[in-house]
Amino acid sequence: MKLVLMRRDFVRCQILSRKISKRHLDSKGLEKFKIEYFGFMITYYVHEKMTLLAAKAYQTIYDTLNKADDELKAKLDPESKETTSSFQNFVIYVLTGPYDNEKVDLLNIIVK
């Protein structure tokens, strides 16, 4: 996906993203790949102006970093910069997204 995004070929990026199982990325030990995958997907979503999907991707990165044990968290995000930036970006993309029921649900997550 990285090579395809570097070539700015977003159609192929979408095709490749469908070949990766998101349920498989939830397995223990694949947190680094999950963060990398959703980082690539954020690039795609921003290009395609899919703000709520970009917000969900940032939420997934934030949740992955928060749920990681201390040893893994120190390895993935030693200074907690990525955790805070992913939450900030999540809030920004939710607020700038179009209004619908999904946005309301995401806003309720932020408030809680």
Protein backbone atom coordinates (compact mmCIF):
# COMPACT_ATOMS: atom_id res chain seq x y z
CA MET A 1 0.00 0.00 0.00
CA LYS A 2 2.87 2.34 0.74
CA LEU A 3 4.24 2.08 -2.78
CA VAL A 4 0.83 2.60 -4.33
CA LEU A 5 0.22 5.69 -2.21
CA MET A 6 3.63 7.06 -3.13
CA ARG A 7 2.59 6.78 -6.78
CA ARG A 8 -0.70 8.56 -5.88
CA ASP A 9 -2.68 5.63 -7.31
CA PHE A 10 -5.67 5.73 -4.99
CA VAL A 11 -7.79 3.28 -6.96
CA ARG A 12 -5.21 0.53 -6.45
CA CYS A 13 -4.90 1.54 -2.80
CA GLN A 14 -8.60 0.88 -2.35
CA ILE A 15 -8.28 -2.49 -4.09
CA LEU A 16 -5.34 -3.48 -1.89
CA SER A 17 -7.06 -2.32 1.28
CA ARG A 18 -9.95 -4.69 0.65
CA LYS A 19 -7.56 -7.64 0.49
CA ILE A 20 -6.44 -7.06 4.09
CA SER A 21 -8.73 -8.47 6.76
CA LYS A 22 -9.37 -5.96 9.53
CA ARG A 23 -10.40 -8.76 11.88
CA HIS A 24 -7.01 -10.38 11.36
CA LEU A 25 -5.30 -7.12 12.35
CA ASP A 26 -7.05 -7.32 15.73
CA SER A 27 -4.87 -10.30 16.66
CA LYS A 28 -2.39 -9.85 19.45
CA GLY A 29 1.09 -8.98 18.24
CA LEU A 30 -0.07 -7.19 15.09
CA GLU A 31 -0.61 -3.78 16.69
CA LYS A 32 2.26 -2.19 14.76
CA PHE A 33 0.84 -3.37 11.44
CA LYS A 34 -2.65 -2.26 12.44
CA ILE A 35 -1.41 1.28 13.16
CA GLU A 36 0.54 1.34 9.90
CA TYR A 37 -2.45 0.05 7.89
CA PHE A 38 -4.82 2.64 9.29
CA GLY A 39 -2.22 5.34 8.70
CA PHE A 40 -2.25 4.41 5.02
CA MET A 41 -6.03 4.34 5.02
CA ILE A 42 -6.15 7.83 6.52
CA THR A 43 -4.13 9.09 3.57
CA TYR A 44 -6.63 7.46 1.23
CA TYR A 45 -9.68 8.74 3.13
CA VAL A 46 -8.36 12.30 3.22
CA HIS A 47 -7.73 12.24 -0.53
CA GLU A 48 -11.23 10.93 -1.20
CA LYS A 49 -12.74 13.46 1.28
CA MET A 50 -14.20 10.74 3.50
CA THR A 51 -13.86 12.63 6.77
CA LEU A 52 -15.88 10.31 9.00
CA LEU A 53 -13.93 7.27 7.83
CA ALA A 54 -10.69 9.15 8.52
CA ALA A 55 -12.01 9.95 12.00
CA LYS A 56 -12.79 6.28 12.60
CA ALA A 57 -9.30 5.33 11.47
CA TYR A 58 -7.80 7.81 13.94
CA GLN A 59 -10.09 6.40 16.62
CA THR A 60 -8.83 2.89 15.86
CA ILE A 61 -5.21 4.03 16.16
CA TYR A 62 -5.98 5.78 19.45
CA ASP A 63 -7.80 2.74 20.86
CA THR A 64 -4.99 0.42 19.78
CA LEU A 65 -2.37 2.55 21.51
CA ASN A 66 -4.51 2.94 24.65
CA LYS A 67 -5.26 -0.77 25.00
CA ALA A 68 -1.65 -1.85 24.49
CA ASP A 69 0.22 -3.04 27.57
CA ASP A 70 2.97 -0.80 28.97
CA GLU A 71 5.84 -2.66 27.31
CA LEU A 72 4.25 -2.54 23.87
CA LYS A 73 3.12 1.07 24.35
CA ALA A 74 6.68 2.11 25.15
CA LYS A 75 7.82 0.38 21.97
CA LEU A 76 5.12 1.80 19.67
CA ASP A 77 4.77 5.31 21.10
CA PRO A 78 7.53 6.11 23.60
CA GLU A 79 6.67 9.80 24.12
CA SER A 80 2.87 9.46 23.75
CA LYS A 81 2.89 11.94 20.87
CA GLU A 82 1.07 9.63 18.48
CA THR A 83 -1.61 8.89 21.06
CA THR A 84 -2.43 12.55 21.65
CA SER A 85 -2.21 13.51 17.98
CA SER A 86 -4.48 10.64 16.95
CA PHE A 87 -7.11 11.72 19.48
CA GLN A 88 -6.86 15.36 18.39
CA ASN A 89 -7.18 14.39 14.74
CA PHE A 90 -10.11 12.13 15.59
CA VAL A 91 -11.97 15.05 17.18
CA ILE A 92 -11.13 17.43 14.31
CA TYR A 93 -12.29 15.03 11.60
CA VAL A 94 -15.50 14.23 13.46
CA LEU A 95 -16.31 17.92 13.85
CA THR A 96 -15.58 18.73 10.19
CA GLY A 97 -17.48 15.75 8.80
CA PRO A 98 -20.96 15.96 7.32
CA TYR A 99 -23.87 15.74 9.72
CA ASP A 100 -25.58 12.36 9.97
CA ASN A 101 -26.39 9.70 12.57
CA GLU A 102 -22.88 8.30 12.45
CA LYS A 103 -21.42 11.69 13.36
CA VAL A 104 -23.77 11.95 16.33
CA ASP A 105 -22.64 8.51 17.54
CA LEU A 106 -18.98 9.52 17.25
CA LEU A 107 -19.63 12.79 19.09
CA ASN A 108 -21.22 10.79 21.91
CA ILE A 109 -18.02 8.72 22.14
CA ILE A 110 -15.98 11.91 22.51
CA VAL A 111 -18.20 13.29 25.26
CA LYS A 112 -18.00 10.10 27.30
